[in-house]
Amino acid sequence: MIIKTVAATLLAIATSSIFLLFSPTPKSFYHSLFISSSLSDNASISNHLHTLTRRPHVAGQEANAEAAAYVLSIFTSSSIKTHIAPYPVALTYPVSRSLTLTPSPQEPQSQINFNLQQEIYDGDPFADVAHEVLPTFHAFAKSGTVTAPVVYVNYGSLEDYEVLKQMGVNVSGSIVLARYGKIYRGSIVQTAYEAGAVGVLVYTDRKDYGGGGGEEKWFPDGKWLPPSGVQVGTVYNGLGDPTTPGWASSEEGERLSDDEVEKAGDVPLIPSLPVSAADGETILRAIGGQVANDDWQGSEDAPTYMVGPGPGIVHLSYTGKQVIGTIENVIGVIEGTEEPDRFVILGNHRDAWTFGAVDPNSGTAALLEIAQRLGKLQKRGWKPRRTIVLCNWDAEEYGLIGSTEWVEENRQMLASRAIAYLNVDSAVYGPGFWASATPQLDELLKQATQQVQDPDNSSQTLYQSWVGSSSSPTINRLGSGESDFAAFVQHVGIPAADMAFGKGYPVYHSMYDDFIWMQKFGDPMFQRHVAVASLWGLVALWLADAEFLPFNYHSYALELQRHMKDLEDELPDKNINLAPLFKSIEELKKAATKINSQREEIEQHKSWQFIGKNDHFKVRELNDRLMMAERAFTDQDGLLGRSWYKHLIYGPSKHDDYGSKSFPGIDEAIEKAKSLKTAESWKLVQHEVWRVARAVRHASQIINGELT
């Protein structure tokens, strides 16, 4: 017996030695190499950005097709199998627009005609292509001509209209002047329409975008938006092609008529136009009536803002054209060797309203850097365990159209195979790292940032700068509709993350978002770009190569408990039973603890015994449960009145598409019940609580992996 045991031990040692001698290079070696200075290249990233931003490249136009060809060439030269996924979609462009102001109806000769031009700055290296910048407009704006007195509505939020109501100001029949900065521009137009306005002007206030007056300098001498700068953008309140809601657009496929699109309620029904700070101030000087509240006022040297209506009268005329144009998503695939049917997806959009040096091509340049680094890893022998998909989206600026059409077309495959989606819209706005994610990825992001050097302080990690003086970094959630993660999270239920440096920048969506602005103010040494590429790619590598998916649903349960506390605070004495939701979250905590224990058990079993076929099956089965749990937070009926949004934990605010809400269905039902004050409306709140409770319980069932 002793002889047999000794022989078995010697055989095990000998076999282990042979295994170590001929074992492949560990994946961790390649991961360290990926983020090393030997592979990163800030000069290459700078060159990518310069190439991508030489011309304005709006979706559906030739310059954007050229940018797609450039992305495809970099992917292909990096040994990545790449193709174009085209879609024929509805896009709009300006035909004509005019804006005049009559400061006083008694003096019609004092009429002011605005030229609506963004001025070319002295020494602008892109002056030769400035004529390619589209005239300032709102995509999907309603064509029409209106003349009416002006009312100033601050940022145009629901709360701002409530203030006006309390002041006795009637907005109905007026053209409203709102400033950018707090809510999504499409929500500004929609809220104005619901208040009875006949037209909308949205301007960039110097207080928010121009440095607030004083000694601050505007571009090119400073980072701030010049007085003639205009923020353009879409005012469409849906996602994807508005003529194919819920299904992918195709040449011969079903498509809604213009009337049907309008009846669907996501495109504006009154004309709107974006205007500059200079034009906005001129109009404000023509508004009388009551003085606006202090928090509605502008910079120190601005005129006193009054709310109106009038006496100034504005004549607004806008004509746009809608076309079915071809957009091009560029898709690169590195096939996994062990689990090719499991996808880790990275995405960034390419189309821009003008030159797009920050938004979005700082992110595109980082994506191309990742592609080149992965190409170098492949040459050194690395192959991913799971498939990595690199996606460069088109027509994001119009309403996340490229990514949404792709997700709708591949919905079933993504639902059964996608591990996670990692988004970077604009990689660099300025200093200061931030991240958003579905909660099971929180710990993964924290661990990854500990491996990447802070680009602004080489003596510390990115994690240390992110945390600052706090005990833990703030990780935001992905309920908004402001970038391409929306279709993945809110329509299909795929775990996701989003990351960048800086938050907001003064020249956003203007013709001054060019390479010079980035070079002077955003990231002069392009080291923040390098850091984003390192972190983004490292997270993807860990998800693609880890034997066990690095998901932590215990973090998710704790986050849901925090959301519950907020919900309790919002529902004092309303006789709403929250016990079902409390109970389901406790069940999720237990399921998360159980699956973590199961993972440890499999790891321990493998540490002293050769890996058998059964172990591979156990790993795969456990990973599938981790992958599919997020899907359970979706409901096929979606949010009430917004059925495309399926996720019951995170979704956009009904009154601000850029605002992320936890328990959006409950939140919306509470708002409605507080307004209606009926027993039936509070019953709907209870129903929404039950819906979320069921979704959380279903997630626990998937994590447990057992039938009832």
Foldseek 3Di string as FASTA:
>chain_A
DVVVVVVVVVVVVVVVVVCVVPPDDDLVVLLLVLLDPVQFDLVLLLVLLQVLQLWAFFFQDPSLVVNLVVLQVLLVVLVWDKDKDKFFFKWKAFDDKWKKKDLAPVCNVVIDTDPQDDDDDPPPPSVVRPVVQGRFFAILFDFDKAKFFEFEQEQQFPVSVVVCVVVVHQQAAHEYEYEDDDFDVLLSQVSSVVSHHQEYEYEHFCQHAVVLDDPADDPPVHQGDPQFWWAYFYNFQAAARLQDPLAFHDDPDHGHDPVVSVVLPRGGPHGYGYGGNNVSLVSQVSFDDAFDDPVSAGGPPGDGGDGHRGPMMMIIGTDMDMDRGMGIKMKTKQAADAARLAEEEEEEESHASISQSQFAVLVVSLLSSLSNSVSVSVVVPDGWNYMYMYIYFHPVRHHLHRLQSVCNHCVVSCLQHYQEYEYEGGAWQAAAKAKAWQQQCQVVLLVLQQSAADLVDRVHTSNCRQQPPHPHHDHHYDAFRNGNCCCVCFQQQFTYMYIHGDDDGSSHNTNPSGSSSCCVGTPVSSSSSSRSSSSSSSSSRCCRHPLAHSTQQLRNLVVVVVVVVVVCVLCPPVPADLVLQVVLSVLSNVLRVVLVVVVVVLVVVVVVDPDDPVSSVSSVLLNSLVRNLSSLQFDCCAAVSRNSGGGQQWHAAPSHSRHIDGRNNLVVLSVVCVVVVDPVSVVSSNVSSVVNSSSSNVSSCSSNVDDD
